């Protein structure tokens, strides 16, 4: 998730220094543009991540916003993955050419806010509290919105990892498609599928999934103060031992490299593997794939170990610092509109991203959707077991170190998970203690 951010922390420290000595308005924002009636519009840029159906939904929402009023024009610009977007944003901010609004992956909120790149939204939210209704946002999705007691982002396209199942393959193997509900059952399913010449899962060593496994085992990624690693505890080692054992017996496949996630999705789509872990953001797309490839699909909670548990993910909408007053107000209007109930319902139905507002979840429109397509509702129910992602400034770099350690432990028979995670923790502690 953070593969391109090796120099990210250093760059943001430099940006923080630049921000402290510069109050110039962001030059990437055009202050006005004449519409067809000769009226001036405030023009702002919005940078977003991800393509496919996610990109289509975001572009359509921006078009709807621009049509909904005649004072503000938003120019939406695609920037790749979250890693791509974050790197481009920090470079643009240093060059005073940043967008007014952007998607920000939730685990990066702390470092962006503390570096001076983000506008504090607290005064805006307090002023417009009757309109914004912060209490209407699902409490399970607000943990990464605040940094040092200040509000820096409103939940937008938010997610959790869930289990995607090829029901047709499970039934053909004589397995109950309602499972597997625990790690133990997952192993049982994997053995039964292997007997039938099938693969249970192609699973990359994704840190987001690993965070879920640690939560399911009753552990934590970092200490409470975020200053030391906690993932080398027994609760953090157990998932790596489990994955290593299953991979060594050919029950699951763990690809590595930049294309690992794509390989997992392809194996599932092509019915090479019966299950996959993936973001709830891909529910709509996965349903289309299943239909097109002639199999039935269900979603479910990620299997439990000691308990269920998942991290949240996805992005906030944030406002970049350094805007003029008119641009600030325009950016805030756009953020409010994009995160309102009606737009929440739209993006949920068209992607699978979580509906962030309670009023949206309770709406007749979504209740009807869940009756027809229960695959959409699983992630909402799973929020009961969700936790925020760590927001220590060094965490993006820590995840790089940790991913390498997990892959080494799983793929090298001579390396024990405990030793690999101890080594990763030692490296992580040097970063976290700074």
Protein backbone atom coordinates (compact mmCIF):
# COMPACT_ATOMS: atom_id res chain seq x y z
CA UNK A 1 0.00 0.00 0.00
CA UNK A 2 2.94 2.30 0.65
CA UNK A 3 5.49 0.95 -1.83
CA UNK A 4 6.35 4.33 -3.37
CA UNK A 5 6.76 6.32 -0.16
CA UNK A 6 10.33 5.46 0.82
CA UNK A 7 11.35 9.12 0.94
CA UNK A 8 7.91 10.35 1.98
CA UNK A 9 8.64 11.24 5.61
CA UNK A 10 11.78 13.23 4.76
CA UNK A 11 9.94 15.06 2.00
CA UNK A 12 7.11 16.01 4.33
CA UNK A 13 9.54 17.29 6.94
CA UNK A 14 11.02 19.56 4.26
CA UNK A 15 7.52 20.63 3.23
CA UNK A 16 6.70 21.43 6.85
CA UNK A 17 9.66 23.80 6.96
CA UNK A 18 8.54 25.44 3.73
CA UNK A 19 4.98 25.80 5.03
CA UNK A 20 6.20 27.50 8.18
CA UNK A 21 7.84 30.31 6.23
CA UNK A 22 5.28 30.75 3.44
CA UNK A 23 1.67 31.95 3.52
CA UNK A 24 1.17 32.36 -0.21
CA UNK A 25 -2.07 31.05 -1.63
CA UNK A 26 -1.88 27.71 -3.43
CA UNK A 27 -1.10 28.54 -7.05
CA UNK A 28 -2.79 25.40 -8.36
CA UNK A 29 -6.16 27.05 -7.76
CA UNK A 30 -7.75 29.39 -10.26
CA UNK A 31 -9.73 32.06 -8.44
CA UNK A 32 -12.43 32.65 -11.02
CA UNK A 33 -13.83 31.63 -14.37
CA UNK A 34 -16.69 33.10 -16.35
CA UNK A 35 -19.68 30.84 -16.97
CA UNK A 36 -22.03 31.06 -19.93
CA UNK A 37 -23.97 33.87 -18.25
CA UNK A 38 -20.90 36.01 -17.64
CA UNK A 39 -20.81 35.25 -13.91
CA UNK A 40 -17.51 34.53 -12.23
CA UNK A 41 -17.01 31.08 -10.77
CA UNK A 42 -14.44 30.00 -8.24
CA UNK A 43 -12.49 27.16 -9.84
CA UNK A 44 -10.75 24.58 -7.66
CA UNK A 45 -8.95 21.32 -8.35
CA UNK A 46 -9.78 17.95 -6.80
CA UNK A 47 -7.19 15.16 -7.01
CA UNK A 48 -8.41 11.60 -6.61
CA UNK A 49 -7.11 8.03 -6.63
CA UNK A 50 -8.08 4.76 -8.34
CA UNK A 51 -9.59 3.96 -11.71
CA UNK A 52 -12.36 1.71 -13.00
CA UNK A 53 -15.78 1.95 -11.39
CA UNK A 54 -14.31 4.03 -8.54
CA UNK A 55 -13.04 6.65 -10.96
CA UNK A 56 -16.33 6.62 -12.83
CA UNK A 57 -18.28 7.25 -9.61
CA UNK A 58 -16.02 10.13 -8.55
CA UNK A 59 -16.17 11.79 -11.94
CA UNK A 60 -19.95 11.53 -12.01
CA UNK A 61 -20.22 13.01 -8.53
CA UNK A 62 -18.07 15.97 -9.53
CA UNK A 63 -20.24 16.53 -12.60
CA UNK A 64 -23.35 16.45 -10.40
CA UNK A 65 -21.82 18.97 -7.99
CA UNK A 66 -20.90 21.35 -10.80
CA UNK A 67 -24.45 21.14 -12.15
CA UNK A 68 -25.99 21.62 -8.69
CA UNK A 69 -24.90 25.26 -8.35
CA UNK A 70 -23.39 28.11 -10.38
CA UNK A 71 -20.75 29.53 -8.00
CA UNK A 72 -18.05 26.84 -7.95
CA UNK A 73 -16.46 24.71 -10.63
CA UNK A 74 -14.44 21.66 -9.59
CA UNK A 75 -11.86 20.18 -11.93
CA UNK A 76 -11.28 16.52 -11.07
CA UNK A 77 -7.87 15.04 -11.91
CA UNK A 78 -6.88 11.38 -11.64
CA UNK A 79 -3.54 10.73 -9.92
CA UNK A 80 -3.19 6.92 -9.74
CA UNK A 81 -3.03 4.91 -6.52
CA UNK A 82 -3.03 6.43 -3.05
CA UNK A 83 0.77 6.16 -3.06
CA UNK A 84 0.97 8.00 -6.38
CA UNK A 85 -1.48 10.65 -5.22
CA UNK A 86 0.31 11.26 -1.91
CA UNK A 87 3.70 11.60 -3.57
CA UNK A 88 2.37 13.99 -6.23
CA UNK A 89 0.54 16.05 -3.63
CA UNK A 90 3.58 16.58 -1.42
CA UNK A 91 5.62 17.62 -4.47
CA UNK A 92 2.88 19.97 -5.68
CA UNK A 93 2.51 21.48 -2.22
CA UNK A 94 6.23 22.24 -2.09
CA UNK A 95 5.90 23.88 -5.51
CA UNK A 96 2.81 25.85 -4.36
CA UNK A 97 0.71 24.14 -7.01
CA UNK A 98 -1.34 21.74 -4.91
CA UNK A 99 -5.05 21.01 -5.41
CA UNK A 100 -7.65 22.50 -3.09
CA UNK A 101 -9.18 19.12 -2.19
CA UNK A 102 -7.83 15.58 -2.42
CA UNK A 103 -8.45 12.00 -1.39
CA UNK A 104 -6.19 11.11 1.53
CA UNK A 105 -5.70 7.50 2.59
CA UNK A 106 -6.63 7.42 6.26
CA UNK A 107 -3.37 6.11 7.74
CA UNK A 108 -1.51 9.12 6.30
CA UNK A 109 -3.70 11.71 8.03
CA UNK A 110 -1.28 12.19 10.91
CA UNK A 111 1.85 12.89 8.89
CA UNK A 112 0.04 15.15 6.41
CA UNK A 113 -1.63 17.15 9.19
CA UNK A 114 1.49 17.50 11.34
CA UNK A 115 3.58 18.54 8.34
CA UNK A 116 1.30 21.56 7.79
CA UNK A 117 -0.17 20.36 4.51
CA UNK A 118 -3.81 20.15 5.68
CA UNK A 119 -6.34 22.78 6.68
CA UNK A 120 -7.96 22.25 10.08
CA UNK A 121 -11.65 21.62 9.34
CA UNK A 122 -12.77 22.03 12.95
CA UNK A 123 -13.88 25.69 12.61
CA UNK A 124 -15.85 24.90 9.43
CA UNK A 125 -17.55 21.87 10.96
CA UNK A 126 -18.47 23.77 14.13
CA UNK A 127 -19.84 26.70 12.17
CA UNK A 128 -21.96 24.44 9.95
CA UNK A 129 -22.70 21.76 12.53
CA UNK A 130 -26.42 21.60 11.76
CA UNK A 131 -25.68 20.96 8.11
CA UNK A 132 -22.63 18.70 8.48
CA UNK A 133 -24.01 16.55 11.34
CA UNK A 134 -20.73 14.97 12.42
CA UNK A 135 -22.68 12.57 14.67
CA UNK A 136 -24.33 11.12 11.56
CA UNK A 137 -21.03 9.68 10.38
CA UNK A 138 -20.61 6.08 11.48
CA UNK A 139 -18.46 6.18 14.65
CA UNK A 140 -16.44 3.20 13.41
CA UNK A 141 -15.14 5.37 10.56
CA UNK A 142 -14.14 8.49 12.51
CA UNK A 143 -11.03 7.18 14.26
CA UNK A 144 -8.63 8.47 11.59
CA UNK A 145 -10.39 11.79 11.02
CA UNK A 146 -8.84 13.56 14.02
CA UNK A 147 -5.21 14.42 14.69
CA UNK A 148 -4.28 15.92 18.06
CA UNK A 149 -7.94 16.71 18.71
CA UNK A 150 -8.53 18.57 15.43
CA UNK A 151 -10.70 17.46 12.50
CA UNK A 152 -8.75 17.10 9.26
CA UNK A 153 -10.92 14.91 7.05
CA UNK A 154 -14.52 13.88 6.44
CA UNK A 155 -15.08 10.18 5.62
CA UNK A 156 -15.61 9.73 1.90
CA UNK A 157 -14.99 6.40 0.18
CA UNK A 158 -14.22 4.18 3.16
CA UNK A 159 -13.68 0.47 3.30
CA UNK A 160 -12.80 -2.65 5.22
CA UNK A 161 -11.37 -5.91 3.89
CA UNK A 162 -13.97 -8.66 3.48
CA UNK A 163 -14.03 -12.25 2.26
CA UNK A 164 -15.19 -12.89 -1.32
CA UNK A 165 -16.35 -16.46 -2.01
CA UNK A 166 -16.99 -18.38 -5.22
CA UNK A 167 -20.09 -20.19 -4.00
CA UNK A 168 -20.15 -22.44 -7.06
CA UNK A 169 -16.64 -23.76 -6.38
CA UNK A 170 -17.35 -24.32 -2.69
CA UNK A 171 -20.51 -26.29 -3.42
CA UNK A 172 -18.75 -28.40 -6.04
CA UNK A 173 -16.14 -29.28 -3.39
CA UNK A 174 -18.91 -30.32 -0.97
CA UNK A 175 -18.39 -27.30 1.30
CA UNK A 176 -21.00 -25.15 3.01
CA UNK A 177 -20.90 -21.73 1.30
CA UNK A 178 -21.87 -20.09 4.58
CA UNK A 179 -18.31 -20.68 5.84
CA UNK A 180 -15.46 -20.49 6.61
CA UNK A 181 -16.06 -18.43 9.75
CA UNK A 182 -12.81 -19.13 11.62
CA UNK A 183 -9.13 -19.69 10.80
CA UNK A 184 -9.60 -23.35 11.70
CA UNK A 185 -12.51 -23.68 9.27
CA UNK A 186 -10.53 -21.83 6.61
CA UNK A 187 -7.80 -24.47 6.86
CA UNK A 188 -10.39 -27.24 6.66
CA UNK A 189 -11.88 -25.67 3.54
CA UNK A 190 -8.42 -25.27 2.02
CA UNK A 191 -7.63 -28.97 2.55
CA UNK A 192 -10.94 -30.06 1.04
CA UNK A 193 -10.42 -27.82 -1.98
CA UNK A 194 -6.89 -29.18 -2.47
CA UNK A 195 -8.30 -32.71 -2.52
CA UNK A 196 -10.49 -31.55 -5.42
CA UNK A 197 -7.49 -30.08 -7.20
CA UNK A 198 -8.49 -26.51 -6.36
CA UNK A 199 -6.82 -23.65 -4.51
CA UNK A 200 -8.45 -21.98 -1.51
CA UNK A 201 -6.91 -18.55 -1.99
CA UNK A 202 -4.23 -16.52 -3.69
CA UNK A 203 -3.30 -14.00 -1.01
CA UNK A 204 -0.61 -11.30 -1.20
CA UNK A 205 1.25 -10.38 1.98
CA UNK A 206 -0.80 -7.20 2.19
CA UNK A 207 -0.30 -5.12 5.34
CA UNK A 208 -4.00 -4.20 5.45
CA UNK A 209 -4.93 -7.89 5.61
CA UNK A 210 -2.16 -8.51 8.16
CA UNK A 211 -3.58 -5.73 10.34
CA UNK A 212 -6.86 -7.64 10.26
CA UNK A 213 -5.17 -10.92 11.25
CA UNK A 214 -3.44 -9.23 14.19
CA UNK A 215 -6.74 -7.71 15.33
CA UNK A 216 -8.41 -11.12 15.04
CA UNK A 217 -5.66 -12.55 17.25
CA UNK A 218 -6.15 -9.88 19.92
CA UNK A 219 -3.00 -7.89 19.16
CA UNK A 220 -1.93 -4.41 18.16
CA UNK A 221 0.37 -3.13 15.44
CA UNK A 222 2.00 -0.45 17.58
CA UNK A 223 2.14 0.49 21.24
CA UNK A 224 -0.58 2.79 22.55
CA UNK A 225 1.64 5.87 22.21
CA UNK A 226 2.77 4.84 18.71
CA UNK A 227 6.44 4.92 19.73
CA UNK A 228 7.27 1.21 19.49
CA UNK A 229 6.31 -1.80 17.41
CA UNK A 230 3.91 -4.35 18.90
CA UNK A 231 3.55 -6.62 15.88
CA UNK A 232 6.33 -8.97 17.04
CA UNK A 233 4.14 -10.10 19.93
CA UNK A 234 2.64 -13.63 19.90
CA UNK A 235 -0.55 -12.13 18.44
CA UNK A 236 1.43 -10.63 15.55
CA UNK A 237 3.55 -13.71 14.94
CA UNK A 238 0.59 -16.14 14.85
CA UNK A 239 -0.80 -14.88 11.50
CA UNK A 240 2.59 -15.20 9.79
CA UNK A 241 3.04 -18.71 11.16
CA UNK A 242 -0.44 -19.61 9.91
CA UNK A 243 0.18 -18.23 6.43
CA UNK A 244 3.62 -19.86 6.22
CA UNK A 245 2.26 -23.27 7.15
CA UNK A 246 -0.64 -23.12 4.70
CA UNK A 247 1.60 -21.85 1.90
CA UNK A 248 4.22 -24.54 2.53
CA UNK A 249 1.53 -27.23 2.20
CA UNK A 250 0.18 -25.77 -1.03
CA UNK A 251 -3.15 -24.83 0.53
CA UNK A 252 -2.81 -21.15 -0.41
CA UNK A 253 -0.59 -19.23 -2.81
CA UNK A 254 1.24 -16.10 -1.67
CA UNK A 255 2.58 -14.09 -4.62
CA UNK A 256 5.07 -11.25 -4.15
CA UNK A 257 5.95 -8.08 -5.99
CA UNK A 258 3.92 -5.16 -7.29
CA UNK A 259 1.51 -7.40 -9.21
CA UNK A 260 0.64 -9.67 -6.26
CA UNK A 261 -2.75 -8.09 -5.61
CA UNK A 262 -3.67 -8.19 -9.30
CA UNK A 263 -2.67 -11.86 -9.45
CA UNK A 264 -4.94 -12.66 -6.51
CA UNK A 265 -7.87 -10.96 -8.21
CA UNK A 266 -7.20 -12.72 -11.51
CA UNK A 267 -6.96 -16.15 -9.88
CA UNK A 268 -10.30 -15.57 -8.19
CA UNK A 269 -11.95 -14.22 -11.35
CA UNK A 270 -10.64 -17.16 -13.39
CA UNK A 271 -11.81 -19.66 -10.76
CA UNK A 272 -8.30 -20.83 -9.96
CA UNK A 273 -8.88 -19.89 -6.32
CA UNK A 274 -12.21 -20.19 -4.53
CA UNK A 275 -11.82 -17.20 -2.21
CA UNK A 276 -10.06 -13.88 -1.93
CA UNK A 277 -9.67 -11.11 0.60
CA UNK A 278 -10.43 -7.70 -0.85
CA UNK A 279 -11.80 -4.26 -0.17
CA UNK A 280 -15.54 -3.76 0.09
CA UNK A 281 -14.92 -1.09 -2.56
CA UNK A 282 -14.86 -3.88 -5.13
CA UNK A 283 -18.28 -5.44 -4.39
CA UNK A 284 -20.00 -4.03 -7.49
CA UNK A 285 -17.10 -4.92 -9.78
CA UNK A 286 -16.73 -8.42 -8.29
CA UNK A 287 -20.43 -9.11 -8.76
CA UNK A 288 -20.07 -8.20 -12.43
CA UNK A 289 -17.03 -10.47 -12.78
CA UNK A 290 -18.82 -13.39 -11.13
CA UNK A 291 -21.85 -12.96 -13.38
CA UNK A 292 -19.71 -12.67 -16.48
CA UNK A 293 -17.69 -15.79 -15.62
CA UNK A 294 -20.72 -17.88 -14.69
CA UNK A 295 -20.39 -18.38 -10.95
CA UNK A 296 -22.29 -17.30 -7.85
CA UNK A 297 -20.60 -14.97 -5.40
CA UNK A 298 -21.09 -14.22 -1.71
CA UNK A 299 -19.29 -11.91 0.68
CA UNK A 300 -18.61 -12.54 4.36
CA UNK A 301 -16.68 -11.34 7.39
CA UNK A 302 -13.00 -12.17 7.34
CA UNK A 303 -12.66 -15.39 9.39
CA UNK A 304 -12.10 -14.98 13.11
CA UNK A 305 -9.25 -16.27 15.23
CA UNK A 306 -9.82 -15.28 18.86
CA UNK A 307 -12.43 -12.85 17.55
CA UNK A 308 -13.43 -11.01 14.41
CA UNK A 309 -11.43 -7.92 13.58
CA UNK A 310 -10.59 -5.66 10.66
CA UNK A 311 -8.92 -2.31 10.04
CA UNK A 312 -10.83 0.38 8.24
CA UNK A 313 -9.39 1.85 5.07
CA UNK A 314 -10.16 4.08 2.15
CA UNK A 315 -9.95 7.85 2.16
CA UNK A 316 -11.12 11.11 3.63
CA UNK A 317 -11.70 14.25 1.68
CA UNK A 318 -9.23 16.84 2.94
CA UNK A 319 -8.52 20.49 2.22
CA UNK A 320 -4.95 21.49 1.45
CA UNK A 321 -3.47 24.36 3.44
CA UNK A 322 -2.52 27.69 1.87
CA UNK A 323 -5.77 28.55 0.08
CA UNK A 324 -7.28 32.01 -0.13
CA UNK A 325 -10.51 32.63 1.80
CA UNK A 326 -12.78 32.25 -1.26
CA UNK A 327 -11.07 29.01 -2.25
CA UNK A 328 -11.35 27.69 1.31
CA UNK A 329 -15.08 28.27 1.31
CA UNK A 330 -15.42 26.68 -2.14
CA UNK A 331 -13.39 23.65 -1.06
CA UNK A 332 -15.48 23.28 2.09
CA UNK A 333 -18.74 23.46 0.11
CA UNK A 334 -17.46 20.72 -2.18
CA UNK A 335 -16.35 18.50 0.72
CA UNK A 336 -19.72 18.95 2.47
CA UNK A 337 -21.64 18.09 -0.68
CA UNK A 338 -19.53 15.04 -1.56
CA UNK A 339 -19.94 13.54 1.92
CA UNK A 340 -23.67 14.27 2.31
CA UNK A 341 -26.27 11.51 2.61
CA UNK A 342 -27.38 11.47 -1.04
CA UNK A 343 -23.83 11.24 -2.41
CA UNK A 344 -22.97 8.59 0.18
CA UNK A 345 -25.81 6.44 -1.13
CA UNK A 346 -24.70 6.98 -4.74
CA UNK A 347 -21.07 5.99 -4.22
CA UNK A 348 -22.02 2.96 -2.09
CA UNK A 349 -24.40 1.58 -4.73
CA UNK A 350 -21.96 2.18 -7.58
CA UNK A 351 -18.79 0.82 -5.98
CA UNK A 352 -19.39 -1.02 -2.71
CA UNK A 353 -17.47 1.49 -0.57
CA UNK A 354 -19.08 1.78 2.84
CA UNK A 355 -21.96 4.21 3.32
CA UNK A 356 -20.32 6.54 5.82
CA UNK A 357 -23.51 8.08 7.21
CA UNK A 358 -25.99 6.34 9.49
CA UNK A 359 -28.85 8.15 7.77
CA UNK A 360 -27.74 6.62 4.46
CA UNK A 361 -27.57 3.10 5.92
CA UNK A 362 -31.08 3.50 7.34
CA UNK A 363 -32.54 4.96 4.14
CA UNK A 364 -35.26 3.06 2.28
CA UNK A 365 -33.08 3.04 -0.82
CA UNK A 366 -30.20 1.16 0.81
CA UNK A 367 -32.43 -1.13 2.85
CA UNK A 368 -34.03 -2.22 -0.43
CA UNK A 369 -30.57 -2.72 -1.96
CA UNK A 370 -29.50 -5.00 0.91
CA UNK A 371 -32.59 -7.17 0.53
CA UNK A 372 -31.81 -7.71 -3.14
CA UNK A 373 -28.01 -7.80 -2.86
CA UNK A 374 -26.88 -8.80 0.65
CA UNK A 375 -23.26 -8.76 -0.57
CA UNK A 376 -23.25 -4.99 0.00
CA UNK A 377 -24.26 -5.17 3.67
CA UNK A 378 -21.53 -7.49 4.98
CA UNK A 379 -18.93 -4.76 5.44
CA UNK A 380 -21.40 -2.56 7.32
CA UNK A 381 -22.18 -5.35 9.79
CA UNK A 382 -18.45 -6.06 10.14
CA UNK A 383 -17.85 -2.47 11.32
CA UNK A 384 -18.77 -3.68 14.79
CA UNK A 385 -15.30 -5.26 14.85
CA UNK A 386 -13.42 -2.48 13.04
CA UNK A 387 -10.55 -0.40 14.34
CA UNK A 388 -8.70 2.64 12.93
CA UNK A 389 -5.30 2.28 11.28
CA UNK A 390 -2.18 3.52 13.09
CA UNK A 391 -1.36 7.13 12.29
CA UNK A 392 2.21 7.44 13.58
CA UNK A 393 4.22 9.64 11.20
CA UNK A 394 6.62 6.79 10.44
CA UNK A 395 3.93 4.15 9.91
CA UNK A 396 3.97 4.26 6.07
CA UNK A 397 7.69 3.47 6.14
CA UNK A 398 7.22 0.87 8.87
CA UNK A 399 4.73 -1.02 6.70
CA UNK A 400 7.35 -1.34 3.96
CA UNK A 401 9.80 -2.92 6.38
CA UNK A 402 7.10 -5.16 7.81
CA UNK A 403 5.87 -6.39 4.43
CA UNK A 404 9.40 -7.41 3.43
CA UNK A 405 9.79 -9.27 6.74
CA UNK A 406 6.50 -11.14 6.32
CA UNK A 407 7.34 -12.19 2.76
CA UNK A 408 10.81 -13.34 3.84
CA UNK A 409 9.40 -15.37 6.73
CA UNK A 410 6.76 -17.04 4.56
CA UNK A 411 8.92 -17.80 1.54
CA UNK A 412 12.24 -18.72 3.18
CA UNK A 413 12.05 -22.06 5.06
CA UNK A 414 15.12 -21.11 7.09
CA UNK A 415 13.59 -17.90 8.51
CA UNK A 416 11.21 -18.11 11.45
CA UNK A 417 8.29 -15.64 11.66
CA UNK A 418 9.40 -14.59 15.15
CA UNK A 419 12.94 -13.76 14.04
CA UNK A 420 11.72 -11.91 10.95
CA UNK A 421 9.27 -9.79 12.94
CA UNK A 422 11.81 -9.12 15.69
CA UNK A 423 14.21 -7.77 13.09
CA UNK A 424 11.44 -5.67 11.52
CA UNK A 425 10.44 -4.34 14.95
CA UNK A 426 14.00 -3.28 15.69
CA UNK A 427 14.14 -1.29 12.44
CA UNK A 428 10.65 0.11 13.00
CA UNK A 429 11.46 1.31 16.53
CA UNK A 430 14.30 3.47 15.20
CA UNK A 431 11.82 5.25 12.94
CA UNK A 432 8.98 5.44 15.45
CA UNK A 433 11.13 6.89 18.23
CA UNK A 434 12.24 9.91 16.19
